[in-house]
Amino acid sequence: MPKQTFFNLPEEKKATLIRAARKEFSRVPLNDALIANIVKEAGVSRGSFYQYFEDKDDLYFYLLDKNTEDRWAVFVSELKKHDGDLFAAMTGMFYSTLSLINEKDTRDFYSNMFLNMNYKIEKTFKHTVKLEEFNKQMSNVLPLIQIEDLHAANNEELFHMLQITMTIMIQALMLKFAQELSDEEVAKHFELQLKLVKRGFIK
């Protein structure tokens, strides 16, 4: 998490830093990104950067956290739109995310993220949390999900259902960049896997 000094900055200066960071992380993956480029683009000193963030990883994962919050809001919106249908909501979030990563200003950022995915990045993007935290965070969302339509005996099973469906979405989006698939091919891959999970493997 950024230091409090970052949050105390004027909104315009925070936005400038974020734009500079996104530009650098769009240019190269996290491991190759340079703080020197970020501070130069943002017009701040290197010393100031370390007053705001521990290191470039701290800044990068802050950006991913903000992205995850936005994606979660989309998921909640899709749940409401589809009357609690988990699979319809996940499909809606998939297409929303697919549209987002196709935008000119975000495509390179997501390309670098998906092509250099590791456990920490995937965990952040999936918003993976412990079951105890999940129960707290889901307190406002659980009433939206039509749980009676799912074979979920409890919140733990629902937790894993969400993780599985989210993994299917992430893998499909990774394939888009790794194999340079078209949106149609990626959507077909995602929808087939989601359909198989929804139907179940056992006759």
Protein backbone atom coordinates (compact mmCIF):
# COMPACT_ATOMS: atom_id res chain seq x y z
CA MET A 1 0.00 0.00 0.00
CA PRO A 2 1.20 3.54 -0.65
CA LYS A 3 2.32 5.59 2.32
CA GLN A 4 0.00 8.16 3.85
CA THR A 5 2.04 10.94 2.26
CA PHE A 6 0.79 9.78 -1.14
CA PHE A 7 -2.84 9.95 -0.05
CA ASN A 8 -2.22 13.42 1.36
CA LEU A 9 -1.16 14.72 -2.06
CA PRO A 10 -3.50 16.94 -4.10
CA GLU A 11 -5.65 14.86 -6.46
CA GLU A 12 -3.95 16.33 -9.54
CA LYS A 13 -0.49 15.30 -8.34
CA LYS A 14 -1.69 11.81 -7.45
CA ALA A 15 -3.23 11.48 -10.90
CA THR A 16 0.03 12.62 -12.52
CA LEU A 17 1.99 9.94 -10.65
CA ILE A 18 -0.53 7.25 -11.58
CA ARG A 19 -0.43 8.24 -15.26
CA ALA A 20 3.37 8.15 -15.22
CA ALA A 21 3.34 4.72 -13.59
CA ARG A 22 0.82 3.30 -16.04
CA LYS A 23 2.91 4.63 -18.93
CA GLU A 24 6.04 2.89 -17.63
CA PHE A 25 4.25 -0.37 -16.80
CA SER A 26 2.71 -0.27 -20.27
CA ARG A 27 6.15 0.17 -21.83
CA VAL A 28 7.71 -2.83 -20.06
CA PRO A 29 6.75 -5.51 -17.48
CA LEU A 30 7.13 -4.81 -13.78
CA ASN A 31 10.59 -6.40 -13.50
CA ASP A 32 11.97 -4.17 -16.26
CA ALA A 33 10.24 -0.95 -15.21
CA LEU A 34 12.43 1.91 -14.01
CA ILE A 35 11.57 4.27 -11.19
CA ALA A 36 13.77 6.83 -12.96
CA ASN A 37 11.33 6.90 -15.88
CA ILE A 38 8.31 7.24 -13.60
CA VAL A 39 9.68 10.17 -11.60
CA LYS A 40 10.91 11.91 -14.74
CA GLU A 41 7.50 11.60 -16.40
CA ALA A 42 5.71 12.67 -13.22
CA GLY A 43 8.06 15.58 -12.56
CA VAL A 44 8.97 14.53 -9.02
CA SER A 45 12.27 13.67 -7.40
CA ARG A 46 13.36 10.12 -6.67
CA GLY A 47 13.41 11.03 -2.97
CA SER A 48 9.79 12.13 -3.18
CA PHE A 49 8.86 8.82 -4.82
CA TYR A 50 10.14 6.92 -1.78
CA GLN A 51 8.11 9.20 0.46
CA TYR A 52 5.02 7.91 -1.36
CA PHE A 53 5.86 4.27 -2.08
CA GLU A 54 8.19 1.59 -0.71
CA ASP A 55 9.34 0.63 -4.21
CA LYS A 56 8.02 0.12 -7.73
CA ASP A 57 6.26 -3.11 -6.68
CA ASP A 58 4.30 -1.15 -4.10
CA LEU A 59 3.12 1.25 -6.79
CA TYR A 60 2.37 -1.51 -9.31
CA PHE A 61 0.23 -3.54 -6.95
CA TYR A 62 -1.59 -0.41 -5.86
CA LEU A 63 -2.60 0.04 -9.51
CA LEU A 64 -3.74 -3.58 -9.66
CA ASP A 65 -5.71 -3.17 -6.43
CA LYS A 66 -7.53 -0.18 -7.89
CA ASN A 67 -8.24 -2.18 -11.03
CA THR A 68 -9.60 -5.04 -8.95
CA GLU A 69 -11.93 -2.68 -7.11
CA ASP A 70 -13.27 -1.48 -10.45
CA ARG A 71 -13.73 -5.05 -11.71
CA TRP A 72 -15.49 -6.02 -8.47
CA ALA A 73 -17.90 -3.11 -8.92
CA VAL A 74 -18.64 -4.40 -12.42
CA PHE A 75 -19.30 -7.88 -11.02
CA VAL A 76 -21.74 -6.52 -8.44
CA SER A 77 -23.47 -4.48 -11.13
CA GLU A 78 -23.75 -7.56 -13.34
CA LEU A 79 -25.20 -9.59 -10.45
CA LYS A 80 -27.91 -6.99 -10.01
CA LYS A 81 -28.50 -6.82 -13.76
CA HIS A 82 -28.91 -10.60 -14.05
CA ASP A 83 -30.96 -11.13 -10.88
CA GLY A 84 -28.21 -12.95 -9.00
CA ASP A 85 -27.20 -15.36 -11.77
CA LEU A 86 -23.54 -16.06 -10.96
CA PHE A 87 -22.64 -17.37 -14.41
CA ALA A 88 -24.36 -14.55 -16.26
CA ALA A 89 -22.64 -12.02 -13.98
CA MET A 90 -19.22 -13.61 -14.56
CA THR A 91 -19.86 -13.59 -18.31
CA GLY A 92 -20.80 -9.92 -18.15
CA MET A 93 -17.62 -9.13 -16.24
CA PHE A 94 -15.57 -11.10 -18.78
CA TYR A 95 -16.88 -9.09 -21.71
CA SER A 96 -16.44 -5.84 -19.79
CA THR A 97 -12.82 -6.74 -19.05
CA LEU A 98 -12.23 -7.86 -22.63
CA SER A 99 -13.46 -4.49 -23.83
CA LEU A 100 -11.23 -2.71 -21.31
CA ILE A 101 -8.04 -4.49 -22.32
CA ASN A 102 -8.73 -3.69 -25.97
CA GLU A 103 -8.67 0.04 -25.32
CA LYS A 104 -5.63 1.78 -26.77
CA ASP A 105 -4.60 3.36 -23.47
CA THR A 106 -4.75 0.11 -21.50
CA ARG A 107 -3.87 -2.70 -23.93
CA ASP A 108 -0.09 -2.62 -23.39
CA PHE A 109 -0.49 -2.44 -19.62
CA TYR A 110 -2.65 -5.57 -19.58
CA SER A 111 -0.50 -7.31 -22.17
CA ASN A 112 2.54 -6.92 -19.93
CA MET A 113 0.54 -8.05 -16.93
CA PHE A 114 -0.93 -11.20 -18.49
CA LEU A 115 2.23 -12.23 -20.33
CA ASN A 116 4.23 -11.94 -17.10
CA MET A 117 1.61 -13.36 -14.75
CA ASN A 118 2.88 -14.83 -11.50
CA TYR A 119 1.12 -15.99 -8.37
CA LYS A 120 1.17 -12.57 -6.70
CA ILE A 121 -0.21 -10.78 -9.76
CA GLU A 122 -2.89 -13.43 -10.32
CA LYS A 123 -3.84 -13.33 -6.64
CA THR A 124 -4.24 -9.54 -6.77
CA PHE A 125 -6.16 -9.58 -10.05
CA LYS A 126 -8.49 -12.30 -8.76
CA HIS A 127 -8.90 -10.46 -5.46
CA THR A 128 -8.06 -13.71 -3.68
CA VAL A 129 -8.65 -13.45 0.05
CA LYS A 130 -8.89 -15.79 3.00
CA LEU A 131 -12.27 -17.31 3.70
CA GLU A 132 -12.71 -15.19 6.84
CA GLU A 133 -12.10 -11.99 4.86
CA PHE A 134 -14.31 -13.29 2.08
CA ASN A 135 -17.24 -13.70 4.47
CA LYS A 136 -16.84 -10.09 5.64
CA GLN A 137 -16.47 -8.66 2.13
CA MET A 138 -19.36 -10.70 0.77
CA SER A 139 -21.84 -9.62 3.43
CA ASN A 140 -23.37 -7.09 1.03
CA VAL A 141 -23.00 -9.30 -2.04
CA LEU A 142 -24.29 -12.67 -0.83
CA PRO A 143 -27.92 -11.51 -0.80
CA LEU A 144 -27.54 -10.67 -4.51
CA ILE A 145 -26.50 -14.21 -5.54
CA GLN A 146 -29.17 -16.80 -6.29
CA ILE A 147 -27.47 -19.38 -4.08
CA GLU A 148 -30.46 -21.72 -4.29
CA ASP A 149 -29.56 -22.26 -7.96
CA LEU A 150 -26.05 -23.44 -7.04
CA HIS A 151 -24.71 -26.63 -5.46
CA ALA A 152 -23.07 -24.57 -2.73
CA ALA A 153 -23.63 -26.05 0.71
CA ASN A 154 -22.00 -23.09 2.47
CA ASN A 155 -19.95 -19.95 2.00
CA GLU A 156 -16.73 -21.94 1.72
CA GLU A 157 -18.03 -23.77 -1.34
CA LEU A 158 -19.33 -20.52 -2.83
CA PHE A 159 -15.91 -18.98 -2.20
CA HIS A 160 -14.25 -21.72 -4.27
CA MET A 161 -16.89 -21.46 -6.99
CA LEU A 162 -16.03 -17.79 -7.43
CA GLN A 163 -12.31 -18.57 -7.48
CA ILE A 164 -12.77 -21.26 -10.14
CA THR A 165 -14.90 -19.09 -12.42
CA MET A 166 -12.50 -16.17 -11.99
CA THR A 167 -9.57 -18.43 -12.91
CA ILE A 168 -11.36 -19.44 -16.12
CA MET A 169 -11.74 -15.77 -17.03
CA ILE A 170 -8.10 -14.94 -16.31
CA GLN A 171 -6.79 -17.91 -18.29
CA ALA A 172 -8.89 -16.94 -21.28
CA LEU A 173 -7.57 -13.37 -21.18
CA MET A 174 -4.01 -14.65 -20.83
CA LEU A 175 -4.49 -16.77 -23.96
CA LYS A 176 -5.55 -13.69 -25.89
CA PHE A 177 -2.09 -12.20 -25.47
CA ALA A 178 -0.03 -15.39 -25.30
CA GLN A 179 -1.48 -16.86 -28.49
CA GLU A 180 -2.63 -13.59 -30.08
CA LEU A 181 -6.20 -14.85 -30.28
CA SER A 182 -9.09 -12.79 -31.60
CA ASP A 183 -11.84 -11.64 -29.26
CA GLU A 184 -14.14 -14.24 -30.84
CA GLU A 185 -11.67 -17.07 -30.14
CA VAL A 186 -11.10 -15.90 -26.56
CA ALA A 187 -14.85 -15.62 -25.93
CA LYS A 188 -15.43 -19.11 -27.35
CA HIS A 189 -12.75 -20.52 -25.06
CA PHE A 190 -14.17 -18.75 -22.00
CA GLU A 191 -17.81 -19.64 -22.67
CA LEU A 192 -17.03 -23.30 -23.34
CA GLN A 193 -15.10 -23.73 -20.10
CA LEU A 194 -17.74 -21.85 -18.12
CA LYS A 195 -20.47 -24.00 -19.69
CA LEU A 196 -18.61 -27.19 -18.75
CA VAL A 197 -18.29 -26.03 -15.15
CA LYS A 198 -21.94 -25.02 -15.03
CA ARG A 199 -23.05 -28.35 -16.46
CA GLY A 200 -20.66 -30.45 -14.36
CA PHE A 201 -18.32 -33.22 -15.47
CA ILE A 202 -20.21 -36.24 -14.18
CA LYS A 203 -23.25 -37.67 -15.99
